[in-house]
Amino acid sequence: MADSILVQLRKGALDLCVLAVLSKGENYGYEIASRLVAAVGMGEGTIYPLMRRMQNDGLVATRLVESSSGPPRKYYRLTPLGQSVFEAHRRDWQSFTGAVDTLLEDLP
């Protein structure tokens, strides 16, 4: 049972986590996935469909960069819409987690 809430929390926060990584600057897919695996334990297979959806929704833009060590890398960056959505989601997250923390602090 405890694992299921953690999985649900990760899924619910994944969009925000990706937007947060990209708010710090442009990154390529593998780097985004690596940072999310290290930070919140989300697998690489989860990231790429999310990145495609975010691109289709206009939240991120991409560019291909040739790589000397393999195929070209796709770099992602926030669009102005993506930056606005990130800021709104961040405010919502802070408000929500603050309310949950208050409830948890009130417990005996």
C-alpha atoms as a PDB file:
ATOM      1  CA  MET A   1       0.000   0.000   0.000  1.00  0.00           C
ATOM      2  CA  ALA A   2       2.771   2.475   0.864  1.00  0.00           C
ATOM      3  CA  ASP A   3       4.416   1.938  -2.517  1.00  0.00           C
ATOM      4  CA  SER A   4       1.209   2.801  -4.357  1.00  0.00           C
ATOM      5  CA  ILE A   5       0.974   6.310  -2.891  1.00  0.00           C
ATOM      6  CA  LEU A   6       4.613   6.978  -3.778  1.00  0.00           C
ATOM      7  CA  VAL A   7       3.981   5.860  -7.354  1.00  0.00           C
ATOM      8  CA  GLN A   8       0.926   8.112  -7.577  1.00  0.00           C
ATOM      9  CA  LEU A   9       2.822  11.078  -6.128  1.00  0.00           C
ATOM     10  CA  ARG A  10       5.634  10.581  -8.643  1.00  0.00           C
ATOM     11  CA  LYS A  11       3.209  10.376 -11.555  1.00  0.00           C
ATOM     12  CA  GLY A  12       1.346  13.446 -10.377  1.00  0.00           C
ATOM     13  CA  ALA A  13       4.494  15.518  -9.981  1.00  0.00           C
ATOM     14  CA  LEU A  14       6.352  14.350 -13.087  1.00  0.00           C
ATOM     15  CA  ASP A  15       5.206  17.197 -15.351  1.00  0.00           C
ATOM     16  CA  LEU A  16       6.256  19.721 -12.720  1.00  0.00           C
ATOM     17  CA  CYS A  17       9.628  17.999 -12.287  1.00  0.00           C
ATOM     18  CA  VAL A  18      10.368  18.083 -16.025  1.00  0.00           C
ATOM     19  CA  LEU A  19       9.332  21.725 -16.254  1.00  0.00           C
ATOM     20  CA  ALA A  20      11.541  22.505 -13.235  1.00  0.00           C
ATOM     21  CA  VAL A  21      14.574  20.856 -14.854  1.00  0.00           C
ATOM     22  CA  LEU A  22      13.997  22.802 -18.068  1.00  0.00           C
ATOM     23  CA  SER A  23      13.389  26.070 -16.195  1.00  0.00           C
ATOM     24  CA  LYS A  24      17.108  25.971 -15.369  1.00  0.00           C
ATOM     25  CA  GLY A  25      18.057  25.746 -19.044  1.00  0.00           C
ATOM     26  CA  GLU A  26      18.040  23.648 -22.178  1.00  0.00           C
ATOM     27  CA  ASN A  27      18.776  19.926 -21.784  1.00  0.00           C
ATOM     28  CA  TYR A  28      18.782  16.840 -23.954  1.00  0.00           C
ATOM     29  CA  GLY A  29      16.457  13.935 -23.295  1.00  0.00           C
ATOM     30  CA  TYR A  30      18.918  11.560 -21.647  1.00  0.00           C
ATOM     31  CA  GLU A  31      20.123  14.277 -19.258  1.00  0.00           C
ATOM     32  CA  ILE A  32      16.537  15.110 -18.265  1.00  0.00           C
ATOM     33  CA  ALA A  33      15.805  11.427 -17.700  1.00  0.00           C
ATOM     34  CA  SER A  34      18.999  10.935 -15.663  1.00  0.00           C
ATOM     35  CA  ARG A  35      18.219  13.876 -13.414  1.00  0.00           C
ATOM     36  CA  LEU A  36      14.678  12.631 -12.796  1.00  0.00           C
ATOM     37  CA  VAL A  37      15.851   9.081 -12.074  1.00  0.00           C
ATOM     38  CA  ALA A  38      18.350  10.444  -9.534  1.00  0.00           C
ATOM     39  CA  ALA A  39      15.916  12.912  -7.953  1.00  0.00           C
ATOM     40  CA  VAL A  40      12.566  11.110  -7.887  1.00  0.00           C
ATOM     41  CA  GLY A  41      13.169   7.610  -9.238  1.00  0.00           C
ATOM     42  CA  MET A  42      11.225   7.967 -12.494  1.00  0.00           C
ATOM     43  CA  GLY A  43      12.378   5.692 -15.288  1.00  0.00           C
ATOM     44  CA  GLU A  44      13.686   6.799 -18.655  1.00  0.00           C
ATOM     45  CA  GLY A  45      10.809   5.095 -20.476  1.00  0.00           C
ATOM     46  CA  THR A  46       8.352   7.419 -18.753  1.00  0.00           C
ATOM     47  CA  ILE A  47      10.108  10.600 -19.828  1.00  0.00           C
ATOM     48  CA  TYR A  48      10.081  10.408 -23.620  1.00  0.00           C
ATOM     49  CA  PRO A  49       6.294  10.062 -24.091  1.00  0.00           C
ATOM     50  CA  LEU A  50       5.882  12.964 -21.658  1.00  0.00           C
ATOM     51  CA  MET A  51       8.366  15.075 -23.629  1.00  0.00           C
ATOM     52  CA  ARG A  52       6.462  14.356 -26.869  1.00  0.00           C
ATOM     53  CA  ARG A  53       3.197  15.396 -25.214  1.00  0.00           C
ATOM     54  CA  MET A  54       4.768  18.576 -23.840  1.00  0.00           C
ATOM     55  CA  GLN A  55       6.094  19.393 -27.308  1.00  0.00           C
ATOM     56  CA  ASN A  56       2.658  18.795 -28.865  1.00  0.00           C
ATOM     57  CA  ASP A  57       1.093  21.012 -26.179  1.00  0.00           C
ATOM     58  CA  GLY A  58       3.527  23.831 -26.985  1.00  0.00           C
ATOM     59  CA  LEU A  59       5.270  23.734 -23.597  1.00  0.00           C
ATOM     60  CA  VAL A  60       8.694  22.785 -24.947  1.00  0.00           C
ATOM     61  CA  ALA A  61      10.563  23.383 -28.173  1.00  0.00           C
ATOM     62  CA  THR A  62      13.297  21.156 -29.539  1.00  0.00           C
ATOM     63  CA  ARG A  63      16.383  21.278 -31.685  1.00  0.00           C
ATOM     64  CA  LEU A  64      18.703  18.558 -32.944  1.00  0.00           C
ATOM     65  CA  VAL A  65      22.440  18.846 -32.341  1.00  0.00           C
ATOM     66  CA  GLU A  66      24.962  16.579 -34.014  1.00  0.00           C
ATOM     67  CA  SER A  67      26.924  14.424 -31.609  1.00  0.00           C
ATOM     68  CA  SER A  68      30.452  13.126 -32.124  1.00  0.00           C
ATOM     69  CA  SER A  69      29.618  10.031 -30.066  1.00  0.00           C
ATOM     70  CA  GLY A  70      26.464   8.782 -31.781  1.00  0.00           C
ATOM     71  CA  PRO A  71      23.177   9.973 -33.206  1.00  0.00           C
ATOM     72  CA  PRO A  72      22.097  13.612 -32.965  1.00  0.00           C
ATOM     73  CA  ARG A  73      20.806  14.714 -29.583  1.00  0.00           C
ATOM     74  CA  LYS A  74      17.400  16.318 -29.217  1.00  0.00           C
ATOM     75  CA  TYR A  75      17.579  19.308 -26.883  1.00  0.00           C
ATOM     76  CA  TYR A  76      14.477  20.588 -25.116  1.00  0.00           C
ATOM     77  CA  ARG A  77      13.793  24.084 -23.810  1.00  0.00           C
ATOM     78  CA  LEU A  78      10.761  25.755 -22.312  1.00  0.00           C
ATOM     79  CA  THR A  79       8.645  27.934 -24.545  1.00  0.00           C
ATOM     80  CA  PRO A  80       7.124  31.109 -23.088  1.00  0.00           C
ATOM     81  CA  LEU A  81       3.920  29.091 -22.572  1.00  0.00           C
ATOM     82  CA  GLY A  82       5.941  26.350 -20.858  1.00  0.00           C
ATOM     83  CA  GLN A  83       7.522  28.915 -18.528  1.00  0.00           C
ATOM     84  CA  SER A  84       4.074  30.297 -17.614  1.00  0.00           C
ATOM     85  CA  VAL A  85       2.689  26.805 -17.010  1.00  0.00           C
ATOM     86  CA  PHE A  86       5.733  25.945 -14.873  1.00  0.00           C
ATOM     87  CA  GLU A  87       5.261  29.035 -12.716  1.00  0.00           C
ATOM     88  CA  ALA A  88       1.541  28.278 -12.243  1.00  0.00           C
ATOM     89  CA  HIS A  89       2.191  24.597 -11.430  1.00  0.00           C
ATOM     90  CA  ARG A  90       4.931  25.576  -8.995  1.00  0.00           C
ATOM     91  CA  ARG A  91       2.606  27.942  -7.134  1.00  0.00           C
ATOM     92  CA  ASP A  92      -0.106  25.269  -7.052  1.00  0.00           C
ATOM     93  CA  TRP A  93       2.384  22.660  -5.784  1.00  0.00           C
ATOM     94  CA  GLN A  94       3.664  24.944  -3.036  1.00  0.00           C
ATOM     95  CA  SER A  95       0.128  25.778  -1.934  1.00  0.00           C
ATOM     96  CA  PHE A  96      -0.907  22.125  -1.953  1.00  0.00           C
ATOM     97  CA  THR A  97       2.155  20.784  -0.145  1.00  0.00           C
ATOM     98  CA  GLY A  98       1.896  23.588   2.405  1.00  0.00           C
ATOM     99  CA  ALA A  99      -1.702  22.593   3.137  1.00  0.00           C
ATOM    100  CA  VAL A 100      -0.759  18.905   3.438  1.00  0.00           C
ATOM    101  CA  ASP A 101       2.179  19.759   5.710  1.00  0.00           C
ATOM    102  CA  THR A 102      -0.154  21.780   7.938  1.00  0.00           C
ATOM    103  CA  LEU A 103      -2.557  18.853   8.187  1.00  0.00           C
ATOM    104  CA  LEU A 104       0.267  16.462   9.017  1.00  0.00           C
ATOM    105  CA  GLU A 105       1.669  18.803  11.665  1.00  0.00           C
ATOM    106  CA  ASP A 106      -1.730  18.950  13.360  1.00  0.00           C
ATOM    107  CA  LEU A 107      -1.689  15.211  14.042  1.00  0.00           C
ATOM    108  CA  PRO A 108      -0.976  13.993  17.564  1.00  0.00           C
END
